[in-house]
Amino acid sequence: MALIKSYRGLSPKWGKDCYFSENATIVGDVTMGDECSVWFNAVVRGDVAPITIGNCTNIQDGSCVHVTHETGPTHIGNYVTIGHNVTVHACTIHDNALIGMGSTLLDGCEVGEGSIVAAGALVLQNTKIPAGEIWGGVPAKYLKPVRPGQTDNAKHYVAYSKFYLSEDEKICVGDGDGGAVGAATGGCTGRDS
């Protein structure tokens, strides 16, 4: 079961049909929309400022989403893909963006709608990436425009999460609560899984 933890009286909230892998960690003032997924070893930690995440967004394996003490919330839009081992820190990512594997987004940066941050990129503090652009490198800079359909990855992760949810429901059958909590959190209540 995912680690879902309150911090100073604030507990994570999420919408319908979300999937959280068994060893995902979600802490504090975190609000997610419907059909979001937080994958294996990913951490979403809204302890010292809020994190808001829209619908159908995925945070893939090993990624960390965090905030800056009292001044830096993180806002992530709808249909955003955050690839494996990404660090997202106190910044804004607009709808339909794709954040490539191993990239780092620092405080105050902003990724425009439908933009791509290439794998391994370092987006410096307060950098503004306009809509529909690909940025990459260390530090990240403009590379080229996004092609149509290039950031459509999030819908695939909605489908993948449904497969995982259905597997969890099969495992949870007979655990006494019908698997309701297990389906939401990637594990079964009352079981050591």
N, C-alpha and C. Protein backbone atom coordinates (compact mmCIF):
# COMPACT_ATOMS: atom_id res chain seq x y z
N MET A 1 0.84 -1.18 0.00
CA MET A 1 0.00 0.00 0.00
C MET A 1 0.89 1.25 0.00
N ALA A 2 0.51 2.25 -0.78
CA ALA A 2 1.25 3.50 -0.82
C ALA A 2 1.28 4.13 0.57
N LEU A 3 2.35 4.88 0.85
CA LEU A 3 2.43 5.61 2.10
C LEU A 3 1.72 6.95 1.90
N ILE A 4 0.57 7.09 2.54
CA ILE A 4 -0.23 8.31 2.49
C ILE A 4 -0.15 8.91 3.89
N LYS A 5 0.46 10.10 4.02
CA LYS A 5 0.79 10.62 5.35
C LYS A 5 0.32 12.06 5.50
N SER A 6 -0.29 12.35 6.65
CA SER A 6 -0.65 13.72 6.99
C SER A 6 0.57 14.46 7.51
N TYR A 7 0.52 15.79 7.38
CA TYR A 7 1.57 16.64 7.94
C TYR A 7 0.91 17.89 8.48
N ARG A 8 1.10 18.15 9.76
CA ARG A 8 0.51 19.31 10.44
C ARG A 8 -0.99 19.44 10.16
N GLY A 9 -1.67 18.32 10.20
CA GLY A 9 -3.11 18.29 10.04
C GLY A 9 -3.60 18.34 8.60
N LEU A 10 -2.70 18.38 7.63
CA LEU A 10 -3.08 18.40 6.22
C LEU A 10 -2.83 17.03 5.61
N SER A 11 -3.87 16.49 4.98
CA SER A 11 -3.78 15.16 4.38
C SER A 11 -3.98 15.24 2.88
N PRO A 12 -3.32 14.35 2.13
CA PRO A 12 -3.52 14.32 0.68
C PRO A 12 -4.97 14.03 0.32
N LYS A 13 -5.40 14.61 -0.80
CA LYS A 13 -6.74 14.39 -1.35
C LYS A 13 -6.59 14.06 -2.82
N TRP A 14 -7.43 13.17 -3.31
CA TRP A 14 -7.38 12.80 -4.72
C TRP A 14 -8.76 12.46 -5.22
N GLY A 15 -8.90 12.51 -6.54
CA GLY A 15 -10.18 12.25 -7.20
C GLY A 15 -10.40 10.78 -7.47
N LYS A 16 -11.26 10.52 -8.45
CA LYS A 16 -11.65 9.15 -8.80
C LYS A 16 -10.58 8.45 -9.62
N ASP A 17 -10.53 7.13 -9.44
CA ASP A 17 -9.73 6.23 -10.29
C ASP A 17 -8.25 6.58 -10.34
N CYS A 18 -7.70 7.02 -9.22
CA CYS A 18 -6.25 7.26 -9.14
C CYS A 18 -5.55 5.96 -8.78
N TYR A 19 -4.32 5.83 -9.21
CA TYR A 19 -3.50 4.67 -8.87
C TYR A 19 -2.20 5.13 -8.22
N PHE A 20 -1.90 4.57 -7.04
CA PHE A 20 -0.65 4.85 -6.35
C PHE A 20 0.05 3.52 -6.11
N SER A 21 1.23 3.35 -6.65
CA SER A 21 1.98 2.11 -6.46
C SER A 21 2.26 1.87 -4.98
N GLU A 22 2.53 0.62 -4.66
CA GLU A 22 2.67 0.21 -3.26
C GLU A 22 3.73 0.99 -2.50
N ASN A 23 4.80 1.40 -3.16
CA ASN A 23 5.85 2.12 -2.43
C ASN A 23 5.96 3.59 -2.85
N ALA A 24 4.89 4.12 -3.42
CA ALA A 24 4.80 5.57 -3.65
C ALA A 24 4.56 6.24 -2.29
N THR A 25 4.99 7.50 -2.17
CA THR A 25 4.80 8.26 -0.94
C THR A 25 4.13 9.59 -1.27
N ILE A 26 3.02 9.88 -0.59
CA ILE A 26 2.28 11.12 -0.81
C ILE A 26 2.02 11.74 0.56
N VAL A 27 2.53 12.97 0.77
CA VAL A 27 2.54 13.56 2.11
C VAL A 27 1.95 14.97 2.09
N GLY A 28 1.09 15.26 3.06
CA GLY A 28 0.70 16.62 3.38
C GLY A 28 -0.32 17.24 2.45
N ASP A 29 -0.12 18.51 2.14
CA ASP A 29 -1.06 19.34 1.41
C ASP A 29 -0.95 19.09 -0.09
N VAL A 30 -1.46 17.93 -0.51
CA VAL A 30 -1.42 17.49 -1.90
C VAL A 30 -2.86 17.29 -2.36
N THR A 31 -3.21 17.90 -3.49
CA THR A 31 -4.54 17.71 -4.07
C THR A 31 -4.37 17.27 -5.51
N MET A 32 -4.95 16.11 -5.85
CA MET A 32 -4.88 15.55 -7.21
C MET A 32 -6.29 15.40 -7.77
N GLY A 33 -6.39 15.55 -9.07
CA GLY A 33 -7.65 15.33 -9.76
C GLY A 33 -7.92 13.86 -10.00
N ASP A 34 -8.76 13.57 -10.97
CA ASP A 34 -9.14 12.21 -11.32
C ASP A 34 -8.08 11.55 -12.21
N GLU A 35 -8.02 10.23 -12.12
CA GLU A 35 -7.21 9.37 -12.99
C GLU A 35 -5.72 9.74 -13.00
N CYS A 36 -5.23 10.19 -11.87
CA CYS A 36 -3.78 10.45 -11.73
C CYS A 36 -3.09 9.16 -11.30
N SER A 37 -1.79 9.10 -11.52
CA SER A 37 -1.02 7.95 -11.04
C SER A 37 0.33 8.41 -10.51
N VAL A 38 0.72 7.76 -9.41
CA VAL A 38 2.03 8.00 -8.79
C VAL A 38 2.68 6.62 -8.71
N TRP A 39 3.80 6.46 -9.40
CA TRP A 39 4.39 5.14 -9.64
C TRP A 39 5.45 4.79 -8.62
N PHE A 40 6.06 3.64 -8.79
CA PHE A 40 6.97 3.03 -7.83
C PHE A 40 8.10 3.98 -7.43
N ASN A 41 8.30 4.09 -6.13
CA ASN A 41 9.35 4.91 -5.51
C ASN A 41 9.23 6.40 -5.79
N ALA A 42 8.11 6.86 -6.28
CA ALA A 42 7.90 8.30 -6.48
C ALA A 42 7.45 8.92 -5.16
N VAL A 43 7.83 10.19 -4.96
CA VAL A 43 7.46 10.93 -3.75
C VAL A 43 6.80 12.23 -4.15
N VAL A 44 5.64 12.52 -3.56
CA VAL A 44 4.95 13.80 -3.73
C VAL A 44 4.80 14.36 -2.32
N ARG A 45 5.61 15.38 -1.99
CA ARG A 45 5.72 15.83 -0.59
C ARG A 45 5.32 17.29 -0.47
N GLY A 46 4.06 17.50 -0.08
CA GLY A 46 3.53 18.84 0.14
C GLY A 46 3.55 19.18 1.61
N ASP A 47 4.73 19.21 2.20
CA ASP A 47 4.82 19.42 3.64
C ASP A 47 4.92 20.89 4.04
N VAL A 48 5.65 21.71 3.31
CA VAL A 48 5.84 23.10 3.72
C VAL A 48 5.16 24.10 2.78
N ALA A 49 4.50 23.62 1.76
CA ALA A 49 3.68 24.42 0.83
C ALA A 49 2.82 23.43 0.05
N PRO A 50 1.74 23.89 -0.58
CA PRO A 50 0.84 22.96 -1.27
C PRO A 50 1.34 22.49 -2.64
N ILE A 51 0.86 21.32 -3.01
CA ILE A 51 1.05 20.77 -4.35
C ILE A 51 -0.33 20.51 -4.93
N THR A 52 -0.60 21.05 -6.12
CA THR A 52 -1.86 20.78 -6.81
C THR A 52 -1.55 20.11 -8.15
N ILE A 53 -2.31 19.07 -8.44
CA ILE A 53 -2.10 18.28 -9.65
C ILE A 53 -3.47 18.09 -10.31
N GLY A 54 -3.55 18.37 -11.61
CA GLY A 54 -4.81 18.24 -12.34
C GLY A 54 -5.20 16.81 -12.61
N ASN A 55 -6.07 16.61 -13.58
CA ASN A 55 -6.56 15.29 -13.96
C ASN A 55 -5.60 14.59 -14.91
N CYS A 56 -5.57 13.27 -14.82
CA CYS A 56 -4.88 12.41 -15.79
C CYS A 56 -3.38 12.67 -15.88
N THR A 57 -2.78 13.07 -14.79
CA THR A 57 -1.34 13.34 -14.74
C THR A 57 -0.64 12.14 -14.12
N ASN A 58 0.54 11.82 -14.63
CA ASN A 58 1.31 10.69 -14.08
C ASN A 58 2.67 11.15 -13.62
N ILE A 59 3.07 10.62 -12.46
CA ILE A 59 4.38 10.88 -11.88
C ILE A 59 5.08 9.53 -11.81
N GLN A 60 6.06 9.35 -12.68
CA GLN A 60 6.62 8.03 -12.89
C GLN A 60 7.70 7.67 -11.87
N ASP A 61 8.15 6.44 -11.97
CA ASP A 61 9.04 5.79 -11.03
C ASP A 61 10.23 6.66 -10.63
N GLY A 62 10.44 6.77 -9.31
CA GLY A 62 11.62 7.43 -8.77
C GLY A 62 11.60 8.95 -8.80
N SER A 63 10.51 9.55 -9.24
CA SER A 63 10.45 11.02 -9.31
C SER A 63 10.12 11.62 -7.95
N CYS A 64 10.51 12.88 -7.77
CA CYS A 64 10.24 13.61 -6.54
C CYS A 64 9.60 14.95 -6.88
N VAL A 65 8.43 15.20 -6.31
CA VAL A 65 7.74 16.49 -6.45
C VAL A 65 7.72 17.12 -5.07
N HIS A 66 8.30 18.33 -4.95
CA HIS A 66 8.40 18.97 -3.64
C HIS A 66 8.15 20.46 -3.79
N VAL A 67 8.29 21.19 -2.70
CA VAL A 67 7.95 22.61 -2.61
C VAL A 67 9.05 23.34 -1.84
N THR A 68 8.95 24.66 -1.76
CA THR A 68 9.89 25.45 -0.95
C THR A 68 9.15 26.01 0.25
N HIS A 69 9.81 26.06 1.37
CA HIS A 69 9.22 26.45 2.64
C HIS A 69 8.37 27.72 2.54
N GLU A 70 7.07 27.55 2.69
CA GLU A 70 6.07 28.61 2.79
C GLU A 70 5.99 29.57 1.61
N THR A 71 6.91 29.51 0.67
CA THR A 71 6.88 30.47 -0.44
C THR A 71 6.74 29.81 -1.80
N GLY A 72 6.94 28.52 -1.89
CA GLY A 72 7.01 27.91 -3.21
C GLY A 72 6.12 26.71 -3.38
N PRO A 73 4.86 26.91 -3.79
CA PRO A 73 4.01 25.76 -4.10
C PRO A 73 4.43 25.15 -5.44
N THR A 74 3.90 23.98 -5.72
CA THR A 74 4.07 23.33 -7.02
C THR A 74 2.69 23.15 -7.62
N HIS A 75 2.54 23.57 -8.88
CA HIS A 75 1.28 23.41 -9.62
C HIS A 75 1.57 22.59 -10.87
N ILE A 76 0.83 21.50 -11.03
CA ILE A 76 0.98 20.63 -12.20
C ILE A 76 -0.40 20.50 -12.83
N GLY A 77 -0.49 20.73 -14.13
CA GLY A 77 -1.77 20.76 -14.83
C GLY A 77 -2.34 19.39 -15.16
N ASN A 78 -3.26 19.38 -16.10
CA ASN A 78 -3.92 18.17 -16.59
C ASN A 78 -3.07 17.51 -17.68
N TYR A 79 -3.15 16.19 -17.74
CA TYR A 79 -2.48 15.41 -18.80
C TYR A 79 -0.99 15.70 -18.89
N VAL A 80 -0.36 15.83 -17.73
CA VAL A 80 1.09 16.04 -17.68
C VAL A 80 1.76 14.69 -17.44
N THR A 81 2.85 14.45 -18.14
CA THR A 81 3.69 13.28 -17.89
C THR A 81 5.00 13.75 -17.27
N ILE A 82 5.29 13.20 -16.09
CA ILE A 82 6.56 13.44 -15.42
C ILE A 82 7.30 12.11 -15.48
N GLY A 83 8.35 12.05 -16.31
CA GLY A 83 9.07 10.80 -16.56
C GLY A 83 9.81 10.27 -15.35
N HIS A 84 10.51 9.17 -15.54
CA HIS A 84 11.24 8.51 -14.47
C HIS A 84 12.36 9.40 -13.92
N ASN A 85 12.52 9.36 -12.60
CA ASN A 85 13.64 10.03 -11.90
C ASN A 85 13.74 11.52 -12.19
N VAL A 86 12.62 12.19 -12.19
CA VAL A 86 12.57 13.64 -12.39
C VAL A 86 12.46 14.32 -11.02
N THR A 87 13.09 15.48 -10.89
CA THR A 87 12.89 16.33 -9.71
C THR A 87 12.11 17.57 -10.14
N VAL A 88 10.96 17.76 -9.51
CA VAL A 88 10.10 18.91 -9.76
C VAL A 88 10.05 19.67 -8.44
N HIS A 89 10.58 20.92 -8.41
CA HIS A 89 10.68 21.62 -7.13
C HIS A 89 10.10 23.03 -7.23
N ALA A 90 8.96 23.22 -6.55
CA ALA A 90 8.36 24.54 -6.38
C ALA A 90 8.24 25.30 -7.71
N CYS A 91 7.58 24.68 -8.67
CA CYS A 91 7.45 25.29 -9.99
C CYS A 91 6.06 25.04 -10.55
N THR A 92 5.82 25.48 -11.78
CA THR A 92 4.53 25.32 -12.43
C THR A 92 4.72 24.60 -13.76
N ILE A 93 3.90 23.56 -13.96
CA ILE A 93 3.91 22.82 -15.21
C ILE A 93 2.48 22.87 -15.76
N HIS A 94 2.32 23.45 -16.94
CA HIS A 94 0.99 23.62 -17.52
C HIS A 94 0.51 22.34 -18.23
N ASP A 95 -0.77 22.34 -18.61
CA ASP A 95 -1.42 21.18 -19.22
C ASP A 95 -0.63 20.61 -20.39
N ASN A 96 -0.72 19.29 -20.52
CA ASN A 96 -0.19 18.55 -21.67
C ASN A 96 1.32 18.65 -21.85
N ALA A 97 2.03 19.00 -20.79
CA ALA A 97 3.50 19.04 -20.88
C ALA A 97 4.07 17.65 -20.64
N LEU A 98 5.27 17.44 -21.14
CA LEU A 98 5.99 16.19 -20.94
C LEU A 98 7.37 16.54 -20.37
N ILE A 99 7.67 15.98 -19.19
CA ILE A 99 8.93 16.24 -18.53
C ILE A 99 9.77 14.97 -18.64
N GLY A 100 10.86 15.04 -19.39
CA GLY A 100 11.66 13.87 -19.73
C GLY A 100 12.41 13.28 -18.56
N MET A 101 12.77 12.00 -18.71
CA MET A 101 13.45 11.24 -17.67
C MET A 101 14.73 11.94 -17.18
N GLY A 102 14.91 11.92 -15.87
CA GLY A 102 16.13 12.42 -15.28
C GLY A 102 16.31 13.92 -15.32
N SER A 103 15.27 14.66 -15.65
CA SER A 103 15.41 16.11 -15.70
C SER A 103 15.14 16.73 -14.32
N THR A 104 15.55 17.98 -14.17
CA THR A 104 15.38 18.71 -12.91
C THR A 104 14.77 20.07 -13.22
N LEU A 105 13.67 20.40 -12.51
CA LEU A 105 13.01 21.69 -12.64
C LEU A 105 13.13 22.41 -11.31
N LEU A 106 13.81 23.57 -11.31
CA LEU A 106 14.08 24.29 -10.07
C LEU A 106 13.02 25.34 -9.76
N ASP A 107 13.11 25.88 -8.55
CA ASP A 107 12.12 26.81 -8.00
C ASP A 107 11.76 27.94 -8.98
N GLY A 108 10.46 28.17 -9.09
CA GLY A 108 9.96 29.30 -9.84
C GLY A 108 9.96 29.13 -11.35
N CYS A 109 10.45 28.01 -11.85
CA CYS A 109 10.40 27.85 -13.31
C CYS A 109 8.98 27.52 -13.73
N GLU A 110 8.71 27.71 -15.02
CA GLU A 110 7.38 27.48 -15.56
C GLU A 110 7.51 26.82 -16.92
N VAL A 111 6.80 25.69 -17.07
CA VAL A 111 6.79 24.95 -18.33
C VAL A 111 5.44 25.18 -18.99
N GLY A 112 5.46 25.76 -20.19
CA GLY A 112 4.24 26.14 -20.88
C GLY A 112 3.42 24.96 -21.37
N GLU A 113 2.18 25.24 -21.71
CA GLU A 113 1.25 24.21 -22.17
C GLU A 113 1.81 23.49 -23.40
N GLY A 114 1.77 22.15 -23.34
CA GLY A 114 2.20 21.34 -24.47
C GLY A 114 3.68 21.36 -24.74
N SER A 115 4.47 21.80 -23.80
CA SER A 115 5.93 21.85 -24.00
C SER A 115 6.58 20.57 -23.50
N ILE A 116 7.84 20.39 -23.90
CA ILE A 116 8.63 19.22 -23.51
C ILE A 116 9.95 19.70 -22.90
N VAL A 117 10.28 19.12 -21.75
CA VAL A 117 11.61 19.27 -21.18
C VAL A 117 12.32 17.95 -21.49
N ALA A 118 13.40 18.02 -22.26
CA ALA A 118 14.10 16.82 -22.72
C ALA A 118 14.74 16.07 -21.56
N ALA A 119 14.94 14.77 -21.77
CA ALA A 119 15.58 13.93 -20.75
C ALA A 119 16.92 14.52 -20.33
N GLY A 120 17.16 14.52 -19.02
CA GLY A 120 18.43 14.98 -18.47
C GLY A 120 18.61 16.48 -18.39
N ALA A 121 17.60 17.24 -18.76
CA ALA A 121 17.72 18.70 -18.77
C ALA A 121 17.71 19.27 -17.35
N LEU A 122 18.34 20.42 -17.20
CA LEU A 122 18.29 21.19 -15.95
C LEU A 122 17.65 22.53 -16.27
N VAL A 123 16.41 22.71 -15.78
CA VAL A 123 15.69 23.97 -15.98
C VAL A 123 15.97 24.84 -14.76
N LEU A 124 16.71 25.92 -15.00
CA LEU A 124 17.17 26.78 -13.90
C LEU A 124 16.03 27.55 -13.25
N GLN A 125 16.30 28.04 -12.05
CA GLN A 125 15.34 28.81 -11.26
C GLN A 125 14.78 29.97 -12.09
N ASN A 126 13.44 30.12 -12.02
CA ASN A 126 12.68 31.20 -12.65
C ASN A 126 12.70 31.20 -14.19
N THR A 127 13.16 30.14 -14.82
CA THR A 127 13.11 30.03 -16.28
C THR A 127 11.67 29.87 -16.72
N LYS A 128 11.28 30.57 -17.78
CA LYS A 128 9.92 30.47 -18.34
C LYS A 128 10.02 29.82 -19.73
N ILE A 129 9.47 28.63 -19.86
CA ILE A 129 9.44 27.92 -21.14
C ILE A 129 8.08 28.20 -21.78
N PRO A 130 8.05 28.84 -22.95
CA PRO A 130 6.77 29.14 -23.60
C PRO A 130 6.03 27.86 -24.04
N ALA A 131 4.77 28.01 -24.35
CA ALA A 131 3.95 26.89 -24.82
C ALA A 131 4.50 26.33 -26.12
N GLY A 132 4.41 25.00 -26.25
CA GLY A 132 4.71 24.34 -27.51
C GLY A 132 6.17 24.28 -27.91
N GLU A 133 7.08 24.35 -26.93
CA GLU A 133 8.51 24.32 -27.24
C GLU A 133 9.20 23.14 -26.57
N ILE A 134 10.28 22.66 -27.17
CA ILE A 134 11.15 21.65 -26.56
C ILE A 134 12.41 22.35 -26.07
N TRP A 135 12.72 22.13 -24.79
CA TRP A 135 13.93 22.67 -24.19
C TRP A 135 14.76 21.50 -23.67
N GLY A 136 16.09 21.61 -23.78
CA GLY A 136 16.96 20.57 -23.27
C GLY A 136 18.34 21.11 -22.98
N GLY A 137 19.16 20.28 -22.32
CA GLY A 137 20.53 20.64 -22.01
C GLY A 137 20.72 21.09 -20.59
N VAL A 138 21.98 21.39 -20.25
CA VAL A 138 22.37 21.85 -18.92
C VAL A 138 23.20 23.10 -19.09
N PRO A 139 22.66 24.27 -18.79
CA PRO A 139 21.25 24.50 -18.43
C PRO A 139 20.35 24.37 -19.67
N ALA A 140 19.05 24.15 -19.42
CA ALA A 140 18.11 23.97 -20.52
C ALA A 140 17.97 25.24 -21.35
N LYS A 141 17.86 25.04 -22.66
CA LYS A 141 17.63 26.15 -23.59
C LYS A 141 16.71 25.65 -24.69
N TYR A 142 16.18 26.59 -25.46
CA TYR A 142 15.26 26.26 -26.55
C TYR A 142 15.95 25.39 -27.59
N LEU A 143 15.27 24.30 -28.01
CA LEU A 143 15.79 23.44 -29.06
C LEU A 143 14.98 23.53 -30.35
N LYS A 144 13.65 23.35 -30.25
CA LYS A 144 12.79 23.38 -31.43
C LYS A 144 11.32 23.33 -30.99
N PRO A 145 10.40 23.54 -31.95
CA PRO A 145 8.97 23.45 -31.58
C PRO A 145 8.54 21.99 -31.41
N VAL A 146 7.48 21.81 -30.63
CA VAL A 146 6.87 20.49 -30.44
C VAL A 146 6.05 20.14 -31.68
N ARG A 147 6.13 18.90 -32.12
CA ARG A 147 5.29 18.42 -33.22
C ARG A 147 3.91 18.03 -32.69
N PRO A 148 2.88 18.11 -33.51
CA PRO A 148 1.54 17.69 -33.06
C PRO A 148 1.55 16.25 -32.55
N GLY A 149 0.92 16.03 -31.40
CA GLY A 149 0.81 14.69 -30.82
C GLY A 149 2.02 14.24 -30.02
N GLN A 150 3.06 15.03 -29.99
CA GLN A 150 4.30 14.62 -29.34
C GLN A 150 4.18 14.54 -27.82
N THR A 151 3.21 15.22 -27.23
CA THR A 151 3.06 15.20 -25.76
C THR A 151 1.82 14.42 -25.32
N ASP A 152 1.35 13.50 -26.15
CA ASP A 152 0.13 12.74 -25.85
C ASP A 152 0.36 11.53 -24.94
N ASN A 153 1.49 11.44 -24.28
CA ASN A 153 1.85 10.27 -23.49
C ASN A 153 0.95 10.03 -22.29
N ALA A 154 0.38 11.06 -21.70
CA ALA A 154 -0.38 10.91 -20.45
C ALA A 154 -1.55 9.95 -20.60
N LYS A 155 -2.20 9.93 -21.76
CA LYS A 155 -3.35 9.03 -21.93
C LYS A 155 -2.93 7.56 -21.83
N HIS A 156 -1.69 7.25 -22.22
CA HIS A 156 -1.21 5.87 -22.10
C HIS A 156 -1.08 5.48 -20.63
N TYR A 157 -0.62 6.42 -19.81
CA TYR A 157 -0.47 6.13 -18.38
C TYR A 157 -1.81 6.02 -17.67
N VAL A 158 -2.84 6.69 -18.16
CA VAL A 158 -4.18 6.47 -17.61
C VAL A 158 -4.59 5.02 -17.87
N ALA A 159 -4.33 4.53 -19.07
CA ALA A 159 -4.65 3.13 -19.40
C ALA A 159 -3.82 2.16 -18.56
N TYR A 160 -2.51 2.41 -18.43
CA TYR A 160 -1.66 1.52 -17.63
C TYR A 160 -2.15 1.46 -16.19
N SER A 161 -2.53 2.62 -15.63
CA SER A 161 -2.97 2.63 -14.24
C SER A 161 -4.24 1.81 -14.06
N LYS A 162 -5.12 1.81 -15.07
CA LYS A 162 -6.34 1.00 -14.98
C LYS A 162 -6.01 -0.49 -14.94
N PHE A 163 -4.98 -0.92 -15.68
CA PHE A 163 -4.55 -2.32 -15.63
C PHE A 163 -4.07 -2.66 -14.21
N TYR A 164 -3.26 -1.77 -13.64
CA TYR A 164 -2.76 -2.02 -12.29
C TYR A 164 -3.89 -2.02 -11.27
N LEU A 165 -4.84 -1.10 -11.40
CA LEU A 165 -5.98 -1.07 -10.48
C LEU A 165 -6.78 -2.36 -10.56
N SER A 166 -6.99 -2.88 -11.77
CA SER A 166 -7.77 -4.11 -11.92
C SER A 166 -7.02 -5.29 -11.31
N GLU A 167 -5.70 -5.33 -11.42
CA GLU A 167 -4.91 -6.39 -10.78
C GLU A 167 -5.02 -6.29 -9.26
N ASP A 168 -4.93 -5.07 -8.72
CA ASP A 168 -5.07 -4.89 -7.27
C ASP A 168 -6.44 -5.34 -6.79
N GLU A 169 -7.48 -5.06 -7.57
CA GLU A 169 -8.83 -5.49 -7.18
C GLU A 169 -8.92 -7.00 -7.13
N LYS A 170 -8.27 -7.72 -8.04
CA LYS A 170 -8.27 -9.19 -8.03
C LYS A 170 -7.59 -9.70 -6.76
N ILE A 171 -6.48 -9.07 -6.39
CA ILE A 171 -5.73 -9.49 -5.21
C ILE A 171 -6.53 -9.20 -3.94
N CYS A 172 -7.29 -8.10 -3.93
CA CYS A 172 -8.01 -7.67 -2.73
C CYS A 172 -9.30 -8.43 -2.48
N VAL A 173 -9.76 -9.22 -3.42
CA VAL A 173 -11.01 -9.94 -3.24
C VAL A 173 -10.92 -10.78 -1.97
N GLY A 174 -11.92 -10.62 -1.10
CA GLY A 174 -11.95 -11.39 0.12
C GLY A 174 -11.17 -10.79 1.27
N ASP A 175 -10.70 -9.54 1.14
CA ASP A 175 -9.94 -8.95 2.26
C ASP A 175 -10.84 -8.29 3.29
N GLY A 176 -12.15 -8.38 3.08
CA GLY A 176 -13.09 -7.88 4.08
C GLY A 176 -13.64 -6.51 3.80
N ASP A 177 -12.97 -5.72 2.95
CA ASP A 177 -13.51 -4.39 2.67
C ASP A 177 -13.82 -4.22 1.19
N GLY A 178 -13.79 -5.30 0.43
CA GLY A 178 -14.12 -5.22 -0.98
C GLY A 178 -13.04 -4.57 -1.82
N GLY A 179 -11.90 -4.28 -1.23
CA GLY A 179 -10.79 -3.71 -1.99
C GLY A 179 -10.91 -2.23 -2.27
N ALA A 180 -11.86 -1.54 -1.63
CA ALA A 180 -12.07 -0.13 -1.96
C ALA A 180 -10.83 0.72 -1.69
N VAL A 181 -10.24 0.58 -0.52
CA VAL A 181 -9.04 1.36 -0.23
C VAL A 181 -7.88 0.83 -1.04
N GLY A 182 -7.79 -0.49 -1.19
CA GLY A 182 -6.70 -1.07 -1.97
C GLY A 182 -6.69 -0.56 -3.39
N ALA A 183 -7.87 -0.41 -3.99
CA ALA A 183 -7.92 0.06 -5.37
C ALA A 183 -7.40 1.48 -5.50
N ALA A 184 -7.66 2.32 -4.52
CA ALA A 184 -7.20 3.70 -4.60
C ALA A 184 -5.72 3.85 -4.30
N THR A 185 -5.20 3.01 -3.44
CA THR A 185 -3.86 3.25 -2.94
C THR A 185 -2.84 2.21 -3.37
N GLY A 186 -3.21 1.31 -4.28
CA GLY A 186 -2.23 0.34 -4.75
C GLY A 186 -1.93 -0.74 -3.74
N GLY A 187 -2.87 -1.07 -2.91
CA GLY A 187 -2.69 -2.13 -1.93
C GLY A 187 -4.00 -2.41 -1.24
N CYS A 188 -4.03 -3.44 -0.40
CA CYS A 188 -5.27 -3.84 0.26
C CYS A 188 -5.22 -3.44 1.73
N THR A 189 -6.36 -3.05 2.28
CA THR A 189 -6.40 -2.75 3.69
C THR A 189 -6.43 -4.05 4.47
N GLY A 190 -5.88 -4.03 5.65
CA GLY A 190 -5.92 -5.20 6.49
C GLY A 190 -4.99 -6.31 6.04
N ARG A 191 -4.12 -6.04 5.10
CA ARG A 191 -3.20 -7.06 4.61
C ARG A 191 -1.80 -6.49 4.59
N ASP A 192 -0.86 -7.34 4.78
CA ASP A 192 0.54 -6.96 4.59
C ASP A 192 0.90 -7.34 3.17
N SER A 193 0.83 -6.38 2.26
CA SER A 193 1.13 -6.68 0.86
C SER A 193 2.29 -5.89 0.37
